[in-house]
PDB file of N, CA and C in Angstrom:
ATOM      1  N   MET A   1     -24.732  -7.311 -34.687  1.00  0.00           N
ATOM      2  CA  MET A   1     -23.007  -7.202 -33.807  1.00  0.00           C
ATOM      3  C   MET A   1     -23.336  -7.915 -32.258  1.00  0.00           C
ATOM      4  N   ALA A   2     -24.585  -6.842 -31.885  1.00  0.00           N
ATOM      5  CA  ALA A   2     -24.464  -6.919 -30.081  1.00  0.00           C
ATOM      6  C   ALA A   2     -25.811  -8.040 -29.993  1.00  0.00           C
ATOM      7  N   GLY A   3     -25.373  -8.891 -28.555  1.00  0.00           N
ATOM      8  CA  GLY A   3     -27.048  -8.987 -28.591  1.00  0.00           C
ATOM      9  C   GLY A   3     -26.691 -11.047 -28.301  1.00  0.00           C
ATOM     10  N   HIS A   4     -25.428 -11.310 -29.259  1.00  0.00           N
ATOM     11  CA  HIS A   4     -24.820 -13.140 -28.690  1.00  0.00           C
ATOM     12  C   HIS A   4     -24.802 -13.383 -27.542  1.00  0.00           C
ATOM     13  N   ASN A   5     -25.334 -13.375 -26.813  1.00  0.00           N
ATOM     14  CA  ASN A   5     -24.839 -13.906 -25.767  1.00  0.00           C
ATOM     15  C   ASN A   5     -24.158 -15.391 -25.151  1.00  0.00           C
ATOM     16  N   ASN A   6     -24.733 -16.090 -26.199  1.00  0.00           N
ATOM     17  CA  ASN A   6     -24.986 -17.603 -25.807  1.00  0.00           C
ATOM     18  C   ASN A   6     -24.086 -17.919 -27.212  1.00  0.00           C
ATOM     19  N   SER A   7     -23.265 -17.169 -27.599  1.00  0.00           N
ATOM     20  CA  SER A   7     -22.474 -17.500 -28.513  1.00  0.00           C
ATOM     21  C   SER A   7     -20.919 -17.785 -27.981  1.00  0.00           C
ATOM     22  N   LEU A   8     -20.922 -18.064 -26.574  1.00  0.00           N
ATOM     23  CA  LEU A   8     -19.765 -18.680 -25.686  1.00  0.00           C
ATOM     24  C   LEU A   8     -19.905 -19.881 -25.112  1.00  0.00           C
ATOM     25  N   ALA A   9     -19.162 -20.887 -25.515  1.00  0.00           N
ATOM     26  CA  ALA A   9     -19.315 -21.805 -24.674  1.00  0.00           C
ATOM     27  C   ALA A   9     -18.661 -22.100 -23.332  1.00  0.00           C
ATOM     28  N   MET A  10     -19.570 -21.559 -21.975  1.00  0.00           N
ATOM     29  CA  MET A  10     -18.843 -21.755 -20.622  1.00  0.00           C
ATOM     30  C   MET A  10     -18.511 -22.909 -20.099  1.00  0.00           C
ATOM     31  N   ASP A  11     -17.066 -22.731 -19.166  1.00  0.00           N
ATOM     32  CA  ASP A  11     -17.212 -24.257 -19.217  1.00  0.00           C
ATOM     33  C   ASP A  11     -17.358 -24.243 -17.985  1.00  0.00           C
ATOM     34  N   PRO A  12     -17.910 -26.267 -17.431  1.00  0.00           N
ATOM     35  CA  PRO A  12     -18.750 -26.701 -16.680  1.00  0.00           C
ATOM     36  C   PRO A  12     -17.973 -26.103 -14.990  1.00  0.00           C
ATOM     37  N   ALA A  13     -16.617 -26.240 -15.044  1.00  0.00           N
ATOM     38  CA  ALA A  13     -15.663 -25.943 -13.456  1.00  0.00           C
ATOM     39  C   ALA A  13     -16.363 -24.581 -13.080  1.00  0.00           C
ATOM     40  N   LEU A  14     -15.834 -23.841 -14.020  1.00  0.00           N
ATOM     41  CA  LEU A  14     -15.857 -22.196 -13.942  1.00  0.00           C
ATOM     42  C   LEU A  14     -17.041 -21.579 -13.097  1.00  0.00           C
ATOM     43  N   ILE A  15     -18.014 -22.126 -13.861  1.00  0.00           N
ATOM     44  CA  ILE A  15     -19.751 -21.864 -13.591  1.00  0.00           C
ATOM     45  C   ILE A  15     -19.998 -22.855 -11.713  1.00  0.00           C
ATOM     46  N   LYS A  16     -19.108 -23.936 -12.038  1.00  0.00           N
ATOM     47  CA  LYS A  16     -19.011 -24.196 -10.149  1.00  0.00           C
ATOM     48  C   LYS A  16     -18.615 -23.700  -9.352  1.00  0.00           C
ATOM     49  N   TYR A  17     -17.296 -23.081 -10.184  1.00  0.00           N
ATOM     50  CA  TYR A  17     -16.288 -22.061  -8.802  1.00  0.00           C
ATOM     51  C   TYR A  17     -17.146 -20.857  -8.568  1.00  0.00           C
ATOM     52  N   ALA A  18     -17.703 -20.552  -9.797  1.00  0.00           N
ATOM     53  CA  ALA A  18     -18.461 -19.268  -9.778  1.00  0.00           C
ATOM     54  C   ALA A  18     -19.725 -19.461  -8.243  1.00  0.00           C
ATOM     55  N   ASN A  19     -20.696 -20.680  -8.758  1.00  0.00           N
ATOM     56  CA  ASN A  19     -21.972 -20.560  -7.716  1.00  0.00           C
ATOM     57  C   ASN A  19     -21.453 -20.617  -6.367  1.00  0.00           C
ATOM     58  N   MET A  20     -19.646 -21.393  -6.220  1.00  0.00           N
ATOM     59  CA  MET A  20     -19.038 -21.866  -5.118  1.00  0.00           C
ATOM     60  C   MET A  20     -18.935 -20.540  -4.381  1.00  0.00           C
ATOM     61  N   TYR A  21     -18.162 -19.427  -5.273  1.00  0.00           N
ATOM     62  CA  TYR A  21     -17.586 -18.234  -4.553  1.00  0.00           C
ATOM     63  C   TYR A  21     -18.730 -17.670  -4.255  1.00  0.00           C
ATOM     64  N   VAL A  22     -20.419 -17.423  -4.729  1.00  0.00           N
ATOM     65  CA  VAL A  22     -21.537 -16.568  -4.507  1.00  0.00           C
ATOM     66  C   VAL A  22     -21.807 -17.450  -3.175  1.00  0.00           C
ATOM     67  N   ASN A  23     -21.934 -18.847  -2.795  1.00  0.00           N
ATOM     68  CA  ASN A  23     -22.707 -18.762  -1.881  1.00  0.00           C
ATOM     69  C   ASN A  23     -21.682 -19.864  -0.701  1.00  0.00           C
ATOM     70  N   ARG A  24     -20.423 -18.512  -0.617  1.00  0.00           N
ATOM     71  CA  ARG A  24     -19.506 -19.777   0.071  1.00  0.00           C
ATOM     72  C   ARG A  24     -19.960 -19.431   1.654  1.00  0.00           C
ATOM     73  N   HIS A  25     -20.651 -18.715   2.092  1.00  0.00           N
ATOM     74  CA  HIS A  25     -21.333 -18.750   3.532  1.00  0.00           C
ATOM     75  C   HIS A  25     -22.089 -20.002   3.675  1.00  0.00           C
ATOM     76  N   LYS A  26     -22.347 -20.437   3.007  1.00  0.00           N
ATOM     77  CA  LYS A  26     -23.357 -21.560   2.871  1.00  0.00           C
ATOM     78  C   LYS A  26     -23.076 -22.813   3.359  1.00  0.00           C
ATOM     79  N   TYR A  27     -21.169 -22.743   2.900  1.00  0.00           N
ATOM     80  CA  TYR A  27     -20.619 -23.837   3.140  1.00  0.00           C
ATOM     81  C   TYR A  27     -19.271 -23.534   4.460  1.00  0.00           C
ATOM     82  N   PHE A  28     -19.543 -22.626   4.798  1.00  0.00           N
ATOM     83  CA  PHE A  28     -18.099 -22.740   5.852  1.00  0.00           C
ATOM     84  C   PHE A  28     -18.458 -23.148   7.205  1.00  0.00           C
ATOM     85  N   ARG A  29     -17.606 -23.549   8.385  1.00  0.00           N
ATOM     86  CA  ARG A  29     -17.510 -24.378   9.253  1.00  0.00           C
ATOM     87  C   ARG A  29     -16.079 -23.629   9.657  1.00  0.00           C
ATOM     88  N   TRP A  30     -16.793 -23.169  11.406  1.00  0.00           N
ATOM     89  CA  TRP A  30     -14.999 -23.492  12.212  1.00  0.00           C
ATOM     90  C   TRP A  30     -14.655 -24.543  12.384  1.00  0.00           C
ATOM     91  N   THR A  31     -13.302 -24.576  12.208  1.00  0.00           N
ATOM     92  CA  THR A  31     -12.710 -25.429  12.980  1.00  0.00           C
ATOM     93  C   THR A  31     -11.302 -24.754  13.184  1.00  0.00           C
ATOM     94  N   GLN A  32     -10.373 -25.793  13.969  1.00  0.00           N
ATOM     95  CA  GLN A  32      -9.704 -24.578  14.341  1.00  0.00           C
ATOM     96  C   GLN A  32      -8.320 -24.016  13.345  1.00  0.00           C
ATOM     97  N   ARG A  33      -8.168 -24.572  12.121  1.00  0.00           N
ATOM     98  CA  ARG A  33      -8.058 -23.972  11.184  1.00  0.00           C
ATOM     99  C   ARG A  33      -8.192 -22.652  10.841  1.00  0.00           C
ATOM    100  N   THR A  34      -9.378 -22.445  10.933  1.00  0.00           N
ATOM    101  CA  THR A  34     -10.000 -21.416  10.385  1.00  0.00           C
ATOM    102  C   THR A  34     -10.235 -20.456  11.161  1.00  0.00           C
ATOM    103  N   ALA A  35     -10.560 -20.783  12.919  1.00  0.00           N
ATOM    104  CA  ALA A  35     -10.490 -20.045  14.067  1.00  0.00           C
ATOM    105  C   ALA A  35      -9.219 -19.387  14.675  1.00  0.00           C
ATOM    106  N   TRP A  36      -7.672 -19.692  13.951  1.00  0.00           N
ATOM    107  CA  TRP A  36      -6.339 -20.111  14.192  1.00  0.00           C
ATOM    108  C   TRP A  36      -5.943 -19.058  13.075  1.00  0.00           C
ATOM    109  N   ILE A  37      -6.668 -19.027  11.499  1.00  0.00           N
ATOM    110  CA  ILE A  37      -6.282 -17.911  10.688  1.00  0.00           C
ATOM    111  C   ILE A  37      -7.104 -16.344  11.065  1.00  0.00           C
ATOM    112  N   SER A  38      -8.043 -17.070  11.745  1.00  0.00           N
ATOM    113  CA  SER A  38      -8.855 -15.254  11.522  1.00  0.00           C
ATOM    114  C   SER A  38      -8.383 -14.539  12.842  1.00  0.00           C
ATOM    115  N   PHE A  39      -7.885 -15.327  14.100  1.00  0.00           N
ATOM    116  CA  PHE A  39      -7.655 -14.551  15.459  1.00  0.00           C
ATOM    117  C   PHE A  39      -5.945 -13.941  14.768  1.00  0.00           C
ATOM    118  N   VAL A  40      -5.939 -14.829  13.980  1.00  0.00           N
ATOM    119  CA  VAL A  40      -3.716 -14.282  12.981  1.00  0.00           C
ATOM    120  C   VAL A  40      -4.070 -13.167  12.195  1.00  0.00           C
ATOM    121  N   TYR A  41      -5.050 -12.672  11.483  1.00  0.00           N
ATOM    122  CA  TYR A  41      -5.383 -11.797  10.877  1.00  0.00           C
ATOM    123  C   TYR A  41      -6.449 -10.735  11.349  1.00  0.00           C
ATOM    124  N   VAL A  42      -6.818 -10.793  12.632  1.00  0.00           N
ATOM    125  CA  VAL A  42      -7.491 -10.300  13.309  1.00  0.00           C
ATOM    126  C   VAL A  42      -7.175  -9.584  14.277  1.00  0.00           C
ATOM    127  N   VAL A  43      -6.350 -10.177  14.909  1.00  0.00           N
ATOM    128  CA  VAL A  43      -5.979  -9.783  16.473  1.00  0.00           C
ATOM    129  C   VAL A  43      -4.207  -9.587  16.055  1.00  0.00           C
ATOM    130  N   ALA A  44      -3.651 -10.851  15.736  1.00  0.00           N
ATOM    131  CA  ALA A  44      -2.403 -10.703  15.541  1.00  0.00           C
ATOM    132  C   ALA A  44      -1.421  -9.700  14.525  1.00  0.00           C
ATOM    133  N   VAL A  45      -1.749  -9.795  13.388  1.00  0.00           N
ATOM    134  CA  VAL A  45      -1.057  -8.926  12.580  1.00  0.00           C
ATOM    135  C   VAL A  45      -1.187  -6.947  12.998  1.00  0.00           C
ATOM    136  N   PRO A  46      -2.158  -7.338  13.177  1.00  0.00           N
ATOM    137  CA  PRO A  46      -2.664  -5.789  13.268  1.00  0.00           C
ATOM    138  C   PRO A  46      -2.155  -4.986  14.913  1.00  0.00           C
ATOM    139  N   ALA A  47      -1.976  -6.464  15.966  1.00  0.00           N
ATOM    140  CA  ALA A  47      -1.232  -5.595  16.896  1.00  0.00           C
ATOM    141  C   ALA A  47       0.109  -5.829  16.524  1.00  0.00           C
ATOM    142  N   LEU A  48       0.870  -6.112  15.567  1.00  0.00           N
ATOM    143  CA  LEU A  48       2.037  -6.892  15.315  1.00  0.00           C
ATOM    144  C   LEU A  48       2.691  -5.002  14.447  1.00  0.00           C
ATOM    145  N   PHE A  49       1.639  -4.999  13.616  1.00  0.00           N
ATOM    146  CA  PHE A  49       1.817  -3.236  13.179  1.00  0.00           C
ATOM    147  C   PHE A  49       1.939  -2.021  14.053  1.00  0.00           C
ATOM    148  N   GLY A  50       0.921  -2.337  15.086  1.00  0.00           N
ATOM    149  CA  GLY A  50       0.615  -1.132  15.587  1.00  0.00           C
ATOM    150  C   GLY A  50       1.829  -1.224  16.995  1.00  0.00           C
ATOM    151  N   TYR A  51       2.564  -2.233  16.947  1.00  0.00           N
ATOM    152  CA  TYR A  51       3.650  -2.586  17.925  1.00  0.00           C
ATOM    153  C   TYR A  51       5.293  -1.823  17.453  1.00  0.00           C
ATOM    154  N   VAL A  52       5.211  -2.314  15.533  1.00  0.00           N
ATOM    155  CA  VAL A  52       6.346  -1.900  14.817  1.00  0.00           C
ATOM    156  C   VAL A  52       6.010  -0.285  14.558  1.00  0.00           C
ATOM    157  N   GLY A  53       4.769   0.107  14.809  1.00  0.00           N
ATOM    158  CA  GLY A  53       4.295   1.771  14.462  1.00  0.00           C
ATOM    159  C   GLY A  53       4.787   2.701  15.746  1.00  0.00           C
ATOM    160  N   TYR A  54       3.949   1.578  16.800  1.00  0.00           N
ATOM    161  CA  TYR A  54       4.310   3.007  18.435  1.00  0.00           C
ATOM    162  C   TYR A  54       6.049   2.630  18.670  1.00  0.00           C
ATOM    163  N   VAL A  55       6.758   1.515  18.594  1.00  0.00           N
ATOM    164  CA  VAL A  55       8.306   1.493  18.781  1.00  0.00           C
ATOM    165  C   VAL A  55       9.118   2.725  17.276  1.00  0.00           C
ATOM    166  N   THR A  56       8.455   2.502  16.456  1.00  0.00           N
ATOM    167  CA  THR A  56       9.254   3.089  15.615  1.00  0.00           C
ATOM    168  C   THR A  56       9.500   4.814  15.859  1.00  0.00           C
ATOM    169  N   ASP A  57       7.724   4.983  15.814  1.00  0.00           N
ATOM    170  CA  ASP A  57       7.272   6.369  16.497  1.00  0.00           C
ATOM    171  C   ASP A  57       8.325   6.945  17.678  1.00  0.00           C
ATOM    172  N   VAL A  58       8.373   6.644  18.562  1.00  0.00           N
ATOM    173  CA  VAL A  58       9.296   6.435  19.854  1.00  0.00           C
ATOM    174  C   VAL A  58      10.521   6.682  19.612  1.00  0.00           C
ATOM    175  N   SER A  59      10.780   5.700  18.557  1.00  0.00           N
ATOM    176  CA  SER A  59      12.210   5.326  18.392  1.00  0.00           C
ATOM    177  C   SER A  59      13.108   6.992  17.669  1.00  0.00           C
ATOM    178  N   LEU A  60      12.109   7.492  16.733  1.00  0.00           N
ATOM    179  CA  LEU A  60      11.878   8.294  15.886  1.00  0.00           C
ATOM    180  C   LEU A  60      11.793   9.966  16.414  1.00  0.00           C
ATOM    181  N   GLU A  61      10.615   9.788  17.725  1.00  0.00           N
ATOM    182  CA  GLU A  61      10.749  11.329  18.216  1.00  0.00           C
ATOM    183  C   GLU A  61      12.017  11.500  19.074  1.00  0.00           C
ATOM    184  N   PHE A  62      12.496  10.301  19.868  1.00  0.00           N
ATOM    185  CA  PHE A  62      13.590  10.575  20.270  1.00  0.00           C
ATOM    186  C   PHE A  62      14.792  10.804  19.762  1.00  0.00           C
ATOM    187  N   LEU A  63      15.279  10.520  18.396  1.00  0.00           N
ATOM    188  CA  LEU A  63      16.417  10.806  17.417  1.00  0.00           C
ATOM    189  C   LEU A  63      16.373  12.074  16.762  1.00  0.00           C
ATOM    190  N   SER A  64      15.266  12.069  17.463  1.00  0.00           N
ATOM    191  CA  SER A  64      14.401  13.590  16.496  1.00  0.00           C
ATOM    192  C   SER A  64      15.077  14.861  17.908  1.00  0.00           C
ATOM    193  N   ARG A  65      14.586  14.241  18.796  1.00  0.00           N
ATOM    194  CA  ARG A  65      15.026  15.118  19.900  1.00  0.00           C
ATOM    195  C   ARG A  65      16.642  14.951  20.083  1.00  0.00           C
ATOM    196  N   GLU A  66      17.283  14.394  20.148  1.00  0.00           N
ATOM    197  CA  GLU A  66      18.663  14.463  19.892  1.00  0.00           C
ATOM    198  C   GLU A  66      19.285  15.316  19.215  1.00  0.00           C
ATOM    199  N   ILE A  67      18.901  15.509  17.771  1.00  0.00           N
ATOM    200  CA  ILE A  67      19.396  16.050  16.692  1.00  0.00           C
ATOM    201  C   ILE A  67      18.980  17.668  16.406  1.00  0.00           C
ATOM    202  N   GLY A  68      17.768  17.716  17.174  1.00  0.00           N
ATOM    203  CA  GLY A  68      17.206  19.589  17.690  1.00  0.00           C
ATOM    204  C   GLY A  68      16.348  19.695  16.908  1.00  0.00           C
ATOM    205  N   GLY A  69      15.530  18.257  15.908  1.00  0.00           N
ATOM    206  CA  GLY A  69      14.191  18.778  15.409  1.00  0.00           C
ATOM    207  C   GLY A  69      12.921  19.250  16.032  1.00  0.00           C
ATOM    208  N   LEU A  70      12.196  18.186  16.378  1.00  0.00           N
ATOM    209  CA  LEU A  70      11.198  18.837  17.572  1.00  0.00           C
ATOM    210  C   LEU A  70      11.711  19.014  19.061  1.00  0.00           C
ATOM    211  N   HIS A  71      10.552  19.765  19.556  1.00  0.00           N
ATOM    212  CA  HIS A  71      11.085  19.828  20.749  1.00  0.00           C
ATOM    213  C   HIS A  71       9.198  19.533  21.270  1.00  0.00           C
TER     214      HIS A  71
END
């Protein structure tokens, strides 16, 4: 039952994609587009989440003081 590794024909396009995925670092080039995408995901998105978290935390802290929760 086991051990029939070559019984399934592999799709050549799938093999090519798998090899490209493994060797992606060899084909990567810095362009304006990749630099911009990297900047957005490394700097802008975390800064946005940090800002929203800070503003929410400050507003909730102020709100809880008005209600009488945290002192």
